[in-house]
Amino acid sequence: MAYGQARRLSIFMVVVPVVLLPALAKAVPPQVGERAPALDLEKLLQAPEGAKADWESLRGKVVVLDFWATWCVPCVRDIPFLNKLQDAFKDKPVQFIAVTDEPKSIVGPFLKKNPIKGWIGLDADGSAFKAYAVLARPTAVVVDQQGRLVGWTIPSTLVDHPDILDDLIAGKPRNLGGPASLRHPDMLTHMGLDIDELVGTEQNRPLCVIVIRPAQPIERKALANSGSASFYSEITLRSAITSLYDVAWHDLFQSK
């Protein structure tokens, strides 16, 4: 991209709105009502011996897949509330599986300090994240008792609206929307940001907005991608821009 063709670049703090990684943008996501993709998890933690995370074994249960990470601030913040939700449904046909792409060496010590109820699924190669088109964390994907996709949402929505799970247990249809409709407004609220104020009007919109702030100790890499915004910490400006736009740094400043 030649400098002369580039639109205005505004620099503020650590949020880069607007783009998705090209490889992710090309993927065709699964749709509500379709059979849920295979999970192919490397390992299950906190599950009964012999338990399997496949849709044949889970048939008859409403399944909540909570895609998270130990470095994800909103994920960690929601753990106590999700634990209470799991307690409320412990005697009902609902299975919670918290899926992360981190190794056991990281997840194990974390769980000792921050207990998560339910099963923990280790997705070392990220195949489950890809299969379910997960671009942001935390993301909850809900699957009905027949193994069909009910939709994508943020976990706090299930905490605030437990009737969603009650309806599914009762066999009532629900549609939470596909991955493209998912937004993470609480991410911006958590950082004290107003996305409309940052990106301006349609006529005066920058190519991207970089928001830079001191990193919190728990943040160690990209926090999330919320469809229109990507959140990073402890990453250089060069790395963020070249990664998101898949372009060499020197190409950004070439003139014809």
C-alpha atoms as a PDB file:
ATOM      1  CA  MET A   1       0.000   0.000   0.000  1.00  0.00           C
ATOM      2  CA  ALA A   2       1.598   3.295  -1.099  1.00  0.00           C
ATOM      3  CA  TYR A   3       1.676   6.122   1.392  1.00  0.00           C
ATOM      4  CA  GLY A   4      -0.071   8.439  -1.047  1.00  0.00           C
ATOM      5  CA  GLN A   5      -3.007   6.064  -1.231  1.00  0.00           C
ATOM      6  CA  ALA A   6      -3.305   5.549   2.512  1.00  0.00           C
ATOM      7  CA  ARG A   7      -6.146   7.137   4.411  1.00  0.00           C
ATOM      8  CA  ARG A   8      -5.640   9.027   7.659  1.00  0.00           C
ATOM      9  CA  LEU A   9      -4.068   7.003  10.492  1.00  0.00           C
ATOM     10  CA  SER A  10      -5.032   8.170  13.978  1.00  0.00           C
ATOM     11  CA  ILE A  11      -2.966   7.018  16.968  1.00  0.00           C
ATOM     12  CA  PHE A  12      -4.447   6.992  20.479  1.00  0.00           C
ATOM     13  CA  MET A  13      -4.106   3.797  22.672  1.00  0.00           C
ATOM     14  CA  VAL A  14      -4.193  -0.129  21.899  1.00  0.00           C
ATOM     15  CA  VAL A  15      -7.300  -0.838  19.818  1.00  0.00           C
ATOM     16  CA  VAL A  16      -7.197  -1.371  16.057  1.00  0.00           C
ATOM     17  CA  PRO A  17     -10.735  -1.168  14.611  1.00  0.00           C
ATOM     18  CA  VAL A  18     -11.976  -2.192  11.217  1.00  0.00           C
ATOM     19  CA  VAL A  19     -10.078  -5.236   9.941  1.00  0.00           C
ATOM     20  CA  LEU A  20      -9.978  -8.980  10.304  1.00  0.00           C
ATOM     21  CA  LEU A  21      -6.962 -11.082   9.476  1.00  0.00           C
ATOM     22  CA  PRO A  22      -7.279 -12.067   5.792  1.00  0.00           C
ATOM     23  CA  ALA A  23      -7.094 -15.805   6.499  1.00  0.00           C
ATOM     24  CA  LEU A  24      -9.959 -15.560   8.993  1.00  0.00           C
ATOM     25  CA  ALA A  25     -12.052 -13.306   6.782  1.00  0.00           C
ATOM     26  CA  LYS A  26     -12.008 -15.901   3.965  1.00  0.00           C
ATOM     27  CA  ALA A  27     -13.280 -18.764   6.145  1.00  0.00           C
ATOM     28  CA  VAL A  28     -16.930 -19.738   5.723  1.00  0.00           C
ATOM     29  CA  PRO A  29     -18.382 -19.901   9.249  1.00  0.00           C
ATOM     30  CA  PRO A  30     -20.957 -22.494  10.328  1.00  0.00           C
ATOM     31  CA  GLN A  31     -24.552 -21.314  10.517  1.00  0.00           C
ATOM     32  CA  VAL A  32     -27.291 -21.428  13.129  1.00  0.00           C
ATOM     33  CA  GLY A  33     -29.349 -24.601  12.741  1.00  0.00           C
ATOM     34  CA  GLU A  34     -26.507 -26.624  11.229  1.00  0.00           C
ATOM     35  CA  ARG A  35     -24.859 -29.581  12.896  1.00  0.00           C
ATOM     36  CA  ALA A  36     -22.135 -28.399  15.252  1.00  0.00           C
ATOM     37  CA  PRO A  37     -18.603 -29.005  13.901  1.00  0.00           C
ATOM     38  CA  ALA A  38     -16.466 -31.683  15.546  1.00  0.00           C
ATOM     39  CA  LEU A  39     -14.543 -30.355  18.552  1.00  0.00           C
ATOM     40  CA  ASP A  40     -11.361 -32.449  18.146  1.00  0.00           C
ATOM     41  CA  LEU A  41     -10.033 -31.365  21.537  1.00  0.00           C
ATOM     42  CA  GLU A  42      -6.578 -32.550  22.510  1.00  0.00           C
ATOM     43  CA  LYS A  43      -7.542 -33.237  26.125  1.00  0.00           C
ATOM     44  CA  LEU A  44     -10.332 -32.769  28.651  1.00  0.00           C
ATOM     45  CA  LEU A  45      -9.600 -31.583  32.181  1.00  0.00           C
ATOM     46  CA  GLN A  46     -12.028 -31.882  35.124  1.00  0.00           C
ATOM     47  CA  ALA A  47     -14.189 -34.343  33.198  1.00  0.00           C
ATOM     48  CA  PRO A  48     -15.229 -37.795  34.476  1.00  0.00           C
ATOM     49  CA  GLU A  49     -12.920 -40.617  33.465  1.00  0.00           C
ATOM     50  CA  GLY A  50     -13.784 -41.819  29.980  1.00  0.00           C
ATOM     51  CA  ALA A  51     -15.820 -38.704  29.146  1.00  0.00           C
ATOM     52  CA  LYS A  52     -15.779 -37.644  25.499  1.00  0.00           C
ATOM     53  CA  ALA A  53     -16.429 -34.236  23.970  1.00  0.00           C
ATOM     54  CA  ASP A  54     -18.112 -35.471  20.807  1.00  0.00           C
ATOM     55  CA  TRP A  55     -21.665 -34.809  19.753  1.00  0.00           C
ATOM     56  CA  GLU A  56     -22.781 -38.420  19.951  1.00  0.00           C
ATOM     57  CA  SER A  57     -21.701 -38.618  23.593  1.00  0.00           C
ATOM     58  CA  LEU A  58     -23.211 -35.201  24.392  1.00  0.00           C
ATOM     59  CA  ARG A  59     -26.555 -35.877  22.682  1.00  0.00           C
ATOM     60  CA  GLY A  60     -29.469 -34.979  24.951  1.00  0.00           C
ATOM     61  CA  LYS A  61     -27.570 -32.142  26.620  1.00  0.00           C
ATOM     62  CA  VAL A  62     -27.498 -28.426  25.907  1.00  0.00           C
ATOM     63  CA  VAL A  63     -23.810 -27.600  25.494  1.00  0.00           C
ATOM     64  CA  VAL A  64     -22.158 -24.245  26.167  1.00  0.00           C
ATOM     65  CA  LEU A  65     -18.717 -23.879  24.601  1.00  0.00           C
ATOM     66  CA  ASP A  66     -16.938 -21.022  26.347  1.00  0.00           C
ATOM     67  CA  PHE A  67     -13.906 -19.965  24.273  1.00  0.00           C
ATOM     68  CA  TRP A  68     -11.466 -18.238  26.608  1.00  0.00           C
ATOM     69  CA  ALA A  69      -7.824 -17.793  27.639  1.00  0.00           C
ATOM     70  CA  THR A  70      -5.888 -17.179  30.830  1.00  0.00           C
ATOM     71  CA  TRP A  71      -4.581 -13.862  29.432  1.00  0.00           C
ATOM     72  CA  CYS A  72      -8.044 -12.585  28.474  1.00  0.00           C
ATOM     73  CA  VAL A  73      -9.076  -9.950  31.038  1.00  0.00           C
ATOM     74  CA  PRO A  74     -12.863 -10.134  30.383  1.00  0.00           C
ATOM     75  CA  CYS A  75     -12.674 -13.958  30.448  1.00  0.00           C
ATOM     76  CA  VAL A  76     -11.055 -13.986  33.875  1.00  0.00           C
ATOM     77  CA  ARG A  77     -13.450 -11.343  35.140  1.00  0.00           C
ATOM     78  CA  ASP A  78     -16.466 -13.481  34.127  1.00  0.00           C
ATOM     79  CA  ILE A  79     -15.293 -16.719  35.791  1.00  0.00           C
ATOM     80  CA  PRO A  80     -17.147 -16.201  39.130  1.00  0.00           C
ATOM     81  CA  PHE A  81     -20.401 -15.388  37.317  1.00  0.00           C
ATOM     82  CA  LEU A  82     -20.123 -18.377  34.987  1.00  0.00           C
ATOM     83  CA  ASN A  83     -19.402 -20.626  37.962  1.00  0.00           C
ATOM     84  CA  LYS A  84     -22.655 -19.463  39.563  1.00  0.00           C
ATOM     85  CA  LEU A  85     -24.494 -20.139  36.295  1.00  0.00           C
ATOM     86  CA  GLN A  86     -23.085 -23.669  36.204  1.00  0.00           C
ATOM     87  CA  ASP A  87     -24.172 -24.205  39.807  1.00  0.00           C
ATOM     88  CA  ALA A  88     -27.700 -23.158  38.839  1.00  0.00           C
ATOM     89  CA  PHE A  89     -27.801 -25.804  36.082  1.00  0.00           C
ATOM     90  CA  LYS A  90     -25.760 -28.570  37.755  1.00  0.00           C
ATOM     91  CA  ASP A  91     -28.787 -30.883  38.044  1.00  0.00           C
ATOM     92  CA  LYS A  92     -30.041 -30.157  34.539  1.00  0.00           C
ATOM     93  CA  PRO A  93     -28.959 -31.548  31.140  1.00  0.00           C
ATOM     94  CA  VAL A  94     -26.462 -28.772  30.419  1.00  0.00           C
ATOM     95  CA  GLN A  95     -22.740 -29.268  29.858  1.00  0.00           C
ATOM     96  CA  PHE A  96     -20.294 -26.369  30.075  1.00  0.00           C
ATOM     97  CA  ILE A  97     -16.950 -26.789  28.296  1.00  0.00           C
ATOM     98  CA  ALA A  98     -14.383 -23.990  28.596  1.00  0.00           C
ATOM     99  CA  VAL A  99     -12.166 -24.241  25.512  1.00  0.00           C
ATOM    100  CA  THR A 100      -8.690 -22.686  25.343  1.00  0.00           C
ATOM    101  CA  ASP A 101      -5.788 -23.094  22.927  1.00  0.00           C
ATOM    102  CA  GLU A 102      -3.243 -22.875  25.731  1.00  0.00           C
ATOM    103  CA  PRO A 103      -1.230 -25.879  27.009  1.00  0.00           C
ATOM    104  CA  LYS A 104      -1.900 -27.715  30.253  1.00  0.00           C
ATOM    105  CA  SER A 105       1.340 -26.289  31.665  1.00  0.00           C
ATOM    106  CA  ILE A 106      -0.296 -22.839  31.633  1.00  0.00           C
ATOM    107  CA  VAL A 107      -3.931 -23.765  32.252  1.00  0.00           C
ATOM    108  CA  GLY A 108      -3.249 -26.119  35.180  1.00  0.00           C
ATOM    109  CA  PRO A 109      -1.548 -23.578  37.475  1.00  0.00           C
ATOM    110  CA  PHE A 110      -4.097 -20.936  36.475  1.00  0.00           C
ATOM    111  CA  LEU A 111      -7.015 -23.168  37.520  1.00  0.00           C
ATOM    112  CA  LYS A 112      -5.491 -23.684  40.965  1.00  0.00           C
ATOM    113  CA  LYS A 113      -5.787 -19.942  41.598  1.00  0.00           C
ATOM    114  CA  ASN A 114      -8.905 -19.333  39.502  1.00  0.00           C
ATOM    115  CA  PRO A 115     -11.166 -22.424  39.654  1.00  0.00           C
ATOM    116  CA  ILE A 116     -13.508 -22.916  36.703  1.00  0.00           C
ATOM    117  CA  LYS A 117     -16.396 -25.326  37.135  1.00  0.00           C
ATOM    118  CA  GLY A 118     -17.270 -27.688  34.325  1.00  0.00           C
ATOM    119  CA  TRP A 119     -14.982 -29.309  31.794  1.00  0.00           C
ATOM    120  CA  ILE A 120     -11.873 -27.648  30.402  1.00  0.00           C
ATOM    121  CA  GLY A 121     -11.085 -28.442  26.771  1.00  0.00           C
ATOM    122  CA  LEU A 122      -7.510 -28.048  25.506  1.00  0.00           C
ATOM    123  CA  ASP A 123      -7.439 -27.092  21.836  1.00  0.00           C
ATOM    124  CA  ALA A 124      -3.677 -26.978  21.272  1.00  0.00           C
ATOM    125  CA  ASP A 125      -3.801 -26.583  17.486  1.00  0.00           C
ATOM    126  CA  GLY A 126      -6.673 -24.080  17.554  1.00  0.00           C
ATOM    127  CA  SER A 127      -8.827 -26.312  15.352  1.00  0.00           C
ATOM    128  CA  ALA A 128     -11.949 -25.779  17.474  1.00  0.00           C
ATOM    129  CA  PHE A 129     -11.476 -22.009  17.386  1.00  0.00           C
ATOM    130  CA  LYS A 130     -11.240 -22.190  13.593  1.00  0.00           C
ATOM    131  CA  ALA A 131     -14.142 -24.617  13.181  1.00  0.00           C
ATOM    132  CA  TYR A 132     -16.418 -22.350  15.209  1.00  0.00           C
ATOM    133  CA  ALA A 133     -15.157 -19.120  13.607  1.00  0.00           C
ATOM    134  CA  VAL A 134     -14.154 -17.679  16.983  1.00  0.00           C
ATOM    135  CA  LEU A 135     -12.493 -14.300  16.445  1.00  0.00           C
ATOM    136  CA  ALA A 136     -12.889 -12.871  19.952  1.00  0.00           C
ATOM    137  CA  ARG A 137     -12.618 -13.960  23.536  1.00  0.00           C
ATOM    138  CA  PRO A 138     -14.700 -14.539  25.481  1.00  0.00           C
ATOM    139  CA  THR A 139     -17.166 -16.118  23.058  1.00  0.00           C
ATOM    140  CA  ALA A 140     -19.879 -18.612  23.956  1.00  0.00           C
ATOM    141  CA  VAL A 141     -21.269 -20.987  21.337  1.00  0.00           C
ATOM    142  CA  VAL A 142     -24.487 -22.756  22.340  1.00  0.00           C
ATOM    143  CA  VAL A 143     -25.488 -26.144  20.929  1.00  0.00           C
ATOM    144  CA  ASP A 144     -28.907 -27.738  21.473  1.00  0.00           C
ATOM    145  CA  GLN A 145     -29.734 -31.266  22.630  1.00  0.00           C
ATOM    146  CA  GLN A 146     -29.672 -32.573  19.052  1.00  0.00           C
ATOM    147  CA  GLY A 147     -26.213 -31.179  18.364  1.00  0.00           C
ATOM    148  CA  ARG A 148     -27.432 -28.209  16.307  1.00  0.00           C
ATOM    149  CA  LEU A 149     -25.960 -24.740  16.567  1.00  0.00           C
ATOM    150  CA  VAL A 150     -28.149 -22.281  18.484  1.00  0.00           C
ATOM    151  CA  GLY A 151     -25.768 -19.365  18.010  1.00  0.00           C
ATOM    152  CA  TRP A 152     -22.873 -17.237  19.197  1.00  0.00           C
ATOM    153  CA  THR A 153     -22.980 -14.805  22.092  1.00  0.00           C
ATOM    154  CA  ILE A 154     -20.858 -13.457  24.923  1.00  0.00           C
ATOM    155  CA  PRO A 155     -20.913 -15.536  28.114  1.00  0.00           C
ATOM    156  CA  SER A 156     -22.292 -12.685  30.202  1.00  0.00           C
ATOM    157  CA  THR A 157     -25.474 -12.821  28.083  1.00  0.00           C
ATOM    158  CA  LEU A 158     -26.139 -16.349  29.344  1.00  0.00           C
ATOM    159  CA  VAL A 159     -25.487 -15.181  32.905  1.00  0.00           C
ATOM    160  CA  ASP A 160     -27.962 -12.317  32.527  1.00  0.00           C
ATOM    161  CA  HIS A 161     -30.519 -14.418  30.614  1.00  0.00           C
ATOM    162  CA  PRO A 162     -30.530 -17.985  31.985  1.00  0.00           C
ATOM    163  CA  ASP A 163     -33.949 -18.407  30.350  1.00  0.00           C
ATOM    164  CA  ILE A 164     -32.046 -19.086  27.107  1.00  0.00           C
ATOM    165  CA  LEU A 165     -30.783 -22.370  28.536  1.00  0.00           C
ATOM    166  CA  ASP A 166     -34.118 -23.113  30.209  1.00  0.00           C
ATOM    167  CA  ASP A 167     -35.907 -22.748  26.863  1.00  0.00           C
ATOM    168  CA  LEU A 168     -33.444 -25.066  25.132  1.00  0.00           C
ATOM    169  CA  ILE A 169     -33.830 -27.688  27.860  1.00  0.00           C
ATOM    170  CA  ALA A 170     -37.592 -27.481  27.333  1.00  0.00           C
ATOM    171  CA  GLY A 171     -37.116 -27.996  23.602  1.00  0.00           C
ATOM    172  CA  LYS A 172     -38.066 -24.438  22.662  1.00  0.00           C
ATOM    173  CA  PRO A 173     -36.161 -23.025  19.658  1.00  0.00           C
ATOM    174  CA  ARG A 174     -33.792 -20.103  20.167  1.00  0.00           C
ATOM    175  CA  ASN A 175     -31.584 -18.265  17.686  1.00  0.00           C
ATOM    176  CA  LEU A 176     -28.673 -16.293  19.124  1.00  0.00           C
ATOM    177  CA  GLY A 177     -27.295 -15.251  15.738  1.00  0.00           C
ATOM    178  CA  GLY A 178     -24.206 -16.266  13.797  1.00  0.00           C
ATOM    179  CA  PRO A 179     -20.589 -15.304  14.455  1.00  0.00           C
ATOM    180  CA  ALA A 180     -20.818 -12.279  12.156  1.00  0.00           C
ATOM    181  CA  SER A 181     -23.471 -10.706  14.413  1.00  0.00           C
ATOM    182  CA  LEU A 182     -21.373 -11.108  17.559  1.00  0.00           C
ATOM    183  CA  ARG A 183     -20.148  -7.915  19.201  1.00  0.00           C
ATOM    184  CA  HIS A 184     -18.203  -7.396  22.392  1.00  0.00           C
ATOM    185  CA  PRO A 185     -19.353  -4.012  23.755  1.00  0.00           C
ATOM    186  CA  ASP A 186     -18.137  -4.949  27.225  1.00  0.00           C
ATOM    187  CA  MET A 187     -14.573  -5.006  25.885  1.00  0.00           C
ATOM    188  CA  LEU A 188     -14.778  -1.309  25.084  1.00  0.00           C
ATOM    189  CA  THR A 189     -16.547  -0.532  28.332  1.00  0.00           C
ATOM    190  CA  HIS A 190     -13.838  -2.392  30.227  1.00  0.00           C
ATOM    191  CA  MET A 191     -11.219  -0.174  28.584  1.00  0.00           C
ATOM    192  CA  GLY A 192     -13.282   2.999  28.980  1.00  0.00           C
ATOM    193  CA  LEU A 193     -13.586   3.575  25.238  1.00  0.00           C
ATOM    194  CA  ASP A 194     -16.308   4.807  22.912  1.00  0.00           C
ATOM    195  CA  ILE A 195     -15.793   3.214  19.480  1.00  0.00           C
ATOM    196  CA  ASP A 196     -17.949   5.807  17.666  1.00  0.00           C
ATOM    197  CA  GLU A 197     -15.920   8.612  19.173  1.00  0.00           C
ATOM    198  CA  LEU A 198     -12.669   6.886  18.216  1.00  0.00           C
ATOM    199  CA  VAL A 199     -13.410   6.142  14.569  1.00  0.00           C
ATOM    200  CA  GLY A 200     -15.330   9.305  13.718  1.00  0.00           C
ATOM    201  CA  THR A 201     -18.023   9.698  11.066  1.00  0.00           C
ATOM    202  CA  GLU A 202     -18.419   7.713   7.858  1.00  0.00           C
ATOM    203  CA  GLN A 203     -17.101  10.669   5.848  1.00  0.00           C
ATOM    204  CA  ASN A 204     -14.060  11.174   8.065  1.00  0.00           C
ATOM    205  CA  ARG A 205     -13.194   7.661   9.131  1.00  0.00           C
ATOM    206  CA  PRO A 206      -9.521   6.678   9.581  1.00  0.00           C
ATOM    207  CA  LEU A 207      -8.031   3.510   8.128  1.00  0.00           C
ATOM    208  CA  CYS A 208      -7.444   2.357  11.679  1.00  0.00           C
ATOM    209  CA  VAL A 209      -7.145   3.715  15.195  1.00  0.00           C
ATOM    210  CA  ILE A 210      -4.311   2.657  17.490  1.00  0.00           C
ATOM    211  CA  VAL A 211      -4.968   3.125  21.194  1.00  0.00           C
ATOM    212  CA  ILE A 212      -1.878   2.839  23.408  1.00  0.00           C
ATOM    213  CA  ARG A 213      -2.028   2.452  27.171  1.00  0.00           C
ATOM    214  CA  PRO A 214       0.103   0.848  29.908  1.00  0.00           C
ATOM    215  CA  ALA A 215      -0.433  -2.915  29.868  1.00  0.00           C
ATOM    216  CA  GLN A 216      -1.888  -4.679  32.895  1.00  0.00           C
ATOM    217  CA  PRO A 217       0.212  -7.594  34.214  1.00  0.00           C
ATOM    218  CA  ILE A 218      -2.356 -10.195  33.105  1.00  0.00           C
ATOM    219  CA  GLU A 219      -2.335  -9.030  29.491  1.00  0.00           C
ATOM    220  CA  ARG A 220       0.359 -10.702  27.431  1.00  0.00           C
ATOM    221  CA  LYS A 221      -0.777 -10.671  23.802  1.00  0.00           C
ATOM    222  CA  ALA A 222      -3.768  -9.996  21.552  1.00  0.00           C
ATOM    223  CA  LEU A 223      -6.811  -9.777  23.790  1.00  0.00           C
ATOM    224  CA  ALA A 224      -9.596 -10.199  21.280  1.00  0.00           C
ATOM    225  CA  ASN A 225     -11.084  -9.436  17.921  1.00  0.00           C
ATOM    226  CA  SER A 226     -14.681  -8.265  18.226  1.00  0.00           C
ATOM    227  CA  GLY A 227     -15.541  -8.202  14.550  1.00  0.00           C
ATOM    228  CA  SER A 228     -14.850  -4.511  14.087  1.00  0.00           C
ATOM    229  CA  ALA A 229     -12.121  -4.112  16.698  1.00  0.00           C
ATOM    230  CA  SER A 230      -8.988  -5.990  17.692  1.00  0.00           C
ATOM    231  CA  PHE A 231      -7.489  -5.643  21.148  1.00  0.00           C
ATOM    232  CA  TYR A 232      -3.774  -6.046  21.878  1.00  0.00           C
ATOM    233  CA  SER A 233      -1.397  -5.567  24.760  1.00  0.00           C
ATOM    234  CA  GLU A 234       2.393  -5.618  24.975  1.00  0.00           C
ATOM    235  CA  ILE A 235       2.721  -5.537  21.205  1.00  0.00           C
ATOM    236  CA  THR A 236       4.662  -3.070  19.081  1.00  0.00           C
ATOM    237  CA  LEU A 237       2.905  -0.680  16.745  1.00  0.00           C
ATOM    238  CA  ARG A 238       4.853  -2.186  13.838  1.00  0.00           C
ATOM    239  CA  SER A 239       3.755  -5.726  14.722  1.00  0.00           C
ATOM    240  CA  ALA A 240       0.094  -4.733  15.138  1.00  0.00           C
ATOM    241  CA  ILE A 241      -0.186  -2.928  11.805  1.00  0.00           C
ATOM    242  CA  THR A 242       1.826  -5.381   9.700  1.00  0.00           C
ATOM    243  CA  SER A 243      -0.048  -8.344  11.203  1.00  0.00           C
ATOM    244  CA  LEU A 244      -3.531  -6.926  10.740  1.00  0.00           C
ATOM    245  CA  TYR A 245      -2.962  -5.644   7.208  1.00  0.00           C
ATOM    246  CA  ASP A 246      -0.600  -8.439   6.078  1.00  0.00           C
ATOM    247  CA  VAL A 247       1.807  -5.899   4.611  1.00  0.00           C
ATOM    248  CA  ALA A 248       5.520  -5.228   5.025  1.00  0.00           C
ATOM    249  CA  TRP A 249       6.294  -2.232   7.254  1.00  0.00           C
ATOM    250  CA  HIS A 250       8.391  -0.461   4.617  1.00  0.00           C
ATOM    251  CA  ASP A 251       5.562  -0.783   2.072  1.00  0.00           C
ATOM    252  CA  LEU A 252       3.341   1.416   4.256  1.00  0.00           C
ATOM    253  CA  PHE A 253       5.605   4.397   3.698  1.00  0.00           C
ATOM    254  CA  GLN A 254       6.651   3.996   0.089  1.00  0.00           C
ATOM    255  CA  SER A 255       5.711   6.729  -2.308  1.00  0.00           C
ATOM    256  CA  LYS A 256       5.384   6.286  -6.033  1.00  0.00           C
END
